[in-house]
N, C-alpha and C. Protein backbone atom coordinates (compact mmCIF):
# COMPACT_ATOMS: atom_id res chain seq x y z
N MET A 1 -17.68 -25.60 0.45
CA MET A 1 -18.23 -24.61 -0.45
C MET A 1 -19.55 -24.12 0.10
N PHE A 2 -19.92 -22.90 -0.25
CA PHE A 2 -21.16 -22.33 0.24
C PHE A 2 -21.77 -21.44 -0.83
N TRP A 3 -23.01 -21.07 -0.62
CA TRP A 3 -23.71 -20.22 -1.58
C TRP A 3 -23.04 -18.86 -1.65
N TRP A 4 -23.13 -18.25 -2.79
CA TRP A 4 -22.51 -16.94 -3.02
C TRP A 4 -23.40 -15.84 -2.45
N CYS A 5 -23.42 -15.70 -1.17
CA CYS A 5 -24.28 -14.68 -0.56
C CYS A 5 -23.48 -13.74 0.34
N ARG A 6 -22.17 -13.86 0.30
CA ARG A 6 -21.33 -12.99 1.13
C ARG A 6 -19.99 -12.81 0.43
N GLU A 7 -19.23 -11.86 0.94
CA GLU A 7 -17.93 -11.57 0.33
C GLU A 7 -16.96 -12.72 0.59
N THR A 8 -16.38 -13.22 -0.48
CA THR A 8 -15.41 -14.31 -0.40
C THR A 8 -14.37 -14.11 -1.49
N SER A 9 -13.42 -14.99 -1.52
CA SER A 9 -12.44 -14.95 -2.61
C SER A 9 -13.09 -15.28 -3.95
N GLU A 10 -14.24 -15.91 -3.92
CA GLU A 10 -14.97 -16.25 -5.14
C GLU A 10 -15.78 -15.09 -5.71
N GLU A 11 -15.66 -13.93 -5.09
CA GLU A 11 -16.46 -12.78 -5.51
C GLU A 11 -16.26 -12.44 -6.99
N ALA A 12 -15.05 -12.66 -7.52
CA ALA A 12 -14.80 -12.40 -8.94
C ALA A 12 -15.74 -13.23 -9.81
N LEU A 13 -15.96 -14.47 -9.42
CA LEU A 13 -16.88 -15.33 -10.16
C LEU A 13 -18.32 -14.87 -9.99
N GLN A 14 -18.64 -14.34 -8.83
CA GLN A 14 -20.01 -13.89 -8.58
C GLN A 14 -20.42 -12.80 -9.57
N PHE A 15 -19.51 -11.87 -9.84
CA PHE A 15 -19.84 -10.78 -10.76
C PHE A 15 -20.03 -11.29 -12.18
N LEU A 16 -19.20 -12.25 -12.60
CA LEU A 16 -19.39 -12.84 -13.92
C LEU A 16 -20.73 -13.56 -14.01
N TRP A 17 -21.03 -14.35 -12.99
CA TRP A 17 -22.29 -15.09 -12.96
C TRP A 17 -23.48 -14.15 -13.00
N LEU A 18 -23.43 -13.09 -12.20
CA LEU A 18 -24.54 -12.13 -12.16
C LEU A 18 -24.71 -11.42 -13.50
N ALA A 19 -23.62 -10.98 -14.09
CA ALA A 19 -23.69 -10.31 -15.40
C ALA A 19 -24.30 -11.25 -16.44
N LYS A 20 -23.86 -12.48 -16.47
CA LYS A 20 -24.37 -13.45 -17.44
C LYS A 20 -25.83 -13.79 -17.17
N THR A 21 -26.21 -13.85 -15.90
CA THR A 21 -27.59 -14.17 -15.55
C THR A 21 -28.54 -13.03 -15.92
N LEU A 22 -28.15 -11.80 -15.61
CA LEU A 22 -29.02 -10.65 -15.87
C LEU A 22 -29.01 -10.19 -17.32
N TYR A 23 -27.88 -10.34 -17.99
CA TYR A 23 -27.73 -9.85 -19.36
C TYR A 23 -27.09 -10.91 -20.25
N PRO A 24 -27.78 -12.02 -20.46
CA PRO A 24 -27.18 -13.13 -21.20
C PRO A 24 -26.76 -12.77 -22.63
N ASP A 25 -27.49 -11.87 -23.27
CA ASP A 25 -27.12 -11.49 -24.64
C ASP A 25 -25.80 -10.73 -24.69
N TYR A 26 -25.56 -9.91 -23.71
CA TYR A 26 -24.32 -9.12 -23.68
C TYR A 26 -23.10 -9.94 -23.27
N PHE A 27 -23.34 -10.99 -22.51
CA PHE A 27 -22.23 -11.78 -21.97
C PHE A 27 -22.24 -13.23 -22.46
N ARG A 28 -22.74 -13.43 -23.67
CA ARG A 28 -22.83 -14.80 -24.20
C ARG A 28 -21.47 -15.44 -24.41
N ASP A 29 -20.43 -14.62 -24.52
CA ASP A 29 -19.08 -15.15 -24.73
C ASP A 29 -18.44 -15.68 -23.45
N ILE A 30 -19.06 -15.44 -22.31
CA ILE A 30 -18.52 -15.93 -21.04
C ILE A 30 -19.02 -17.35 -20.80
N ASP A 31 -18.11 -18.26 -20.61
CA ASP A 31 -18.43 -19.66 -20.30
C ASP A 31 -18.18 -19.86 -18.81
N MET A 32 -19.25 -19.86 -18.03
CA MET A 32 -19.11 -19.95 -16.58
C MET A 32 -18.49 -21.27 -16.13
N ASN A 33 -18.75 -22.34 -16.84
CA ASN A 33 -18.11 -23.62 -16.49
C ASN A 33 -16.60 -23.48 -16.62
N LYS A 34 -16.16 -22.94 -17.74
CA LYS A 34 -14.73 -22.77 -17.99
C LYS A 34 -14.10 -21.80 -16.99
N GLU A 35 -14.78 -20.67 -16.73
CA GLU A 35 -14.25 -19.67 -15.80
C GLU A 35 -14.15 -20.22 -14.38
N THR A 36 -15.15 -20.98 -13.97
CA THR A 36 -15.16 -21.55 -12.62
C THR A 36 -14.05 -22.58 -12.47
N LYS A 37 -13.91 -23.44 -13.47
CA LYS A 37 -12.85 -24.46 -13.44
C LYS A 37 -11.47 -23.79 -13.40
N TYR A 38 -11.28 -22.76 -14.22
CA TYR A 38 -10.01 -22.04 -14.25
C TYR A 38 -9.71 -21.38 -12.90
N PHE A 39 -10.72 -20.74 -12.32
CA PHE A 39 -10.56 -20.05 -11.04
C PHE A 39 -10.10 -21.01 -9.95
N TYR A 40 -10.79 -22.13 -9.81
CA TYR A 40 -10.45 -23.09 -8.77
C TYR A 40 -9.08 -23.72 -9.00
N ARG A 41 -8.74 -23.99 -10.25
CA ARG A 41 -7.43 -24.57 -10.56
C ARG A 41 -6.33 -23.57 -10.25
N THR A 42 -6.55 -22.30 -10.62
CA THR A 42 -5.52 -21.27 -10.46
C THR A 42 -5.34 -20.84 -9.01
N PHE A 43 -6.43 -20.57 -8.30
CA PHE A 43 -6.34 -19.99 -6.97
C PHE A 43 -6.40 -21.01 -5.83
N TYR A 44 -7.01 -22.16 -6.07
CA TYR A 44 -7.10 -23.16 -5.01
C TYR A 44 -6.30 -24.43 -5.32
N GLU A 45 -5.73 -24.50 -6.52
CA GLU A 45 -5.02 -25.69 -6.97
C GLU A 45 -5.90 -26.93 -6.82
N TYR A 46 -7.16 -26.76 -7.22
CA TYR A 46 -8.14 -27.84 -7.13
C TYR A 46 -8.82 -28.00 -8.48
N GLU A 47 -8.88 -29.22 -8.95
CA GLU A 47 -9.50 -29.52 -10.24
C GLU A 47 -10.95 -29.95 -10.00
N LEU A 48 -11.87 -29.06 -10.33
CA LEU A 48 -13.29 -29.36 -10.15
C LEU A 48 -13.78 -30.37 -11.18
N THR A 49 -14.71 -31.21 -10.76
CA THR A 49 -15.40 -32.09 -11.69
C THR A 49 -16.55 -31.31 -12.32
N ASP A 50 -17.09 -31.83 -13.40
CA ASP A 50 -18.24 -31.18 -14.03
C ASP A 50 -19.44 -31.13 -13.07
N SER A 51 -19.59 -32.18 -12.29
CA SER A 51 -20.67 -32.24 -11.31
C SER A 51 -20.52 -31.15 -10.24
N GLU A 52 -19.30 -30.96 -9.76
CA GLU A 52 -19.05 -29.91 -8.76
C GLU A 52 -19.32 -28.53 -9.33
N ILE A 53 -18.94 -28.31 -10.56
CA ILE A 53 -19.20 -27.02 -11.20
C ILE A 53 -20.70 -26.76 -11.28
N GLN A 54 -21.45 -27.75 -11.67
CA GLN A 54 -22.90 -27.58 -11.75
C GLN A 54 -23.52 -27.30 -10.38
N THR A 55 -23.00 -27.94 -9.36
CA THR A 55 -23.50 -27.71 -8.00
C THR A 55 -23.21 -26.27 -7.56
N ILE A 56 -22.05 -25.77 -7.91
CA ILE A 56 -21.69 -24.39 -7.55
C ILE A 56 -22.56 -23.38 -8.31
N LEU A 57 -22.71 -23.59 -9.61
CA LEU A 57 -23.42 -22.62 -10.44
C LEU A 57 -24.92 -22.73 -10.35
N ASN A 58 -25.43 -23.90 -9.96
CA ASN A 58 -26.88 -24.13 -9.91
C ASN A 58 -27.26 -24.81 -8.60
N PRO A 59 -27.08 -24.13 -7.47
CA PRO A 59 -27.39 -24.78 -6.19
C PRO A 59 -28.89 -25.06 -6.05
N THR A 60 -29.18 -26.11 -5.33
CA THR A 60 -30.60 -26.46 -5.12
C THR A 60 -31.01 -26.18 -3.71
């Protein structure tokens, strides 16, 4: 996994994350943990742990 700084298959998640980050009031119904888990399960057939989701959404 890598930071979301280039075009990847994860780009769909990037737009959700950006919208929620910039306009949290407008996108409060989006659950990024749920969306990220669903994306990885559906497209990569990989079940992310809660820790992995946090690492993806909040890199240090």
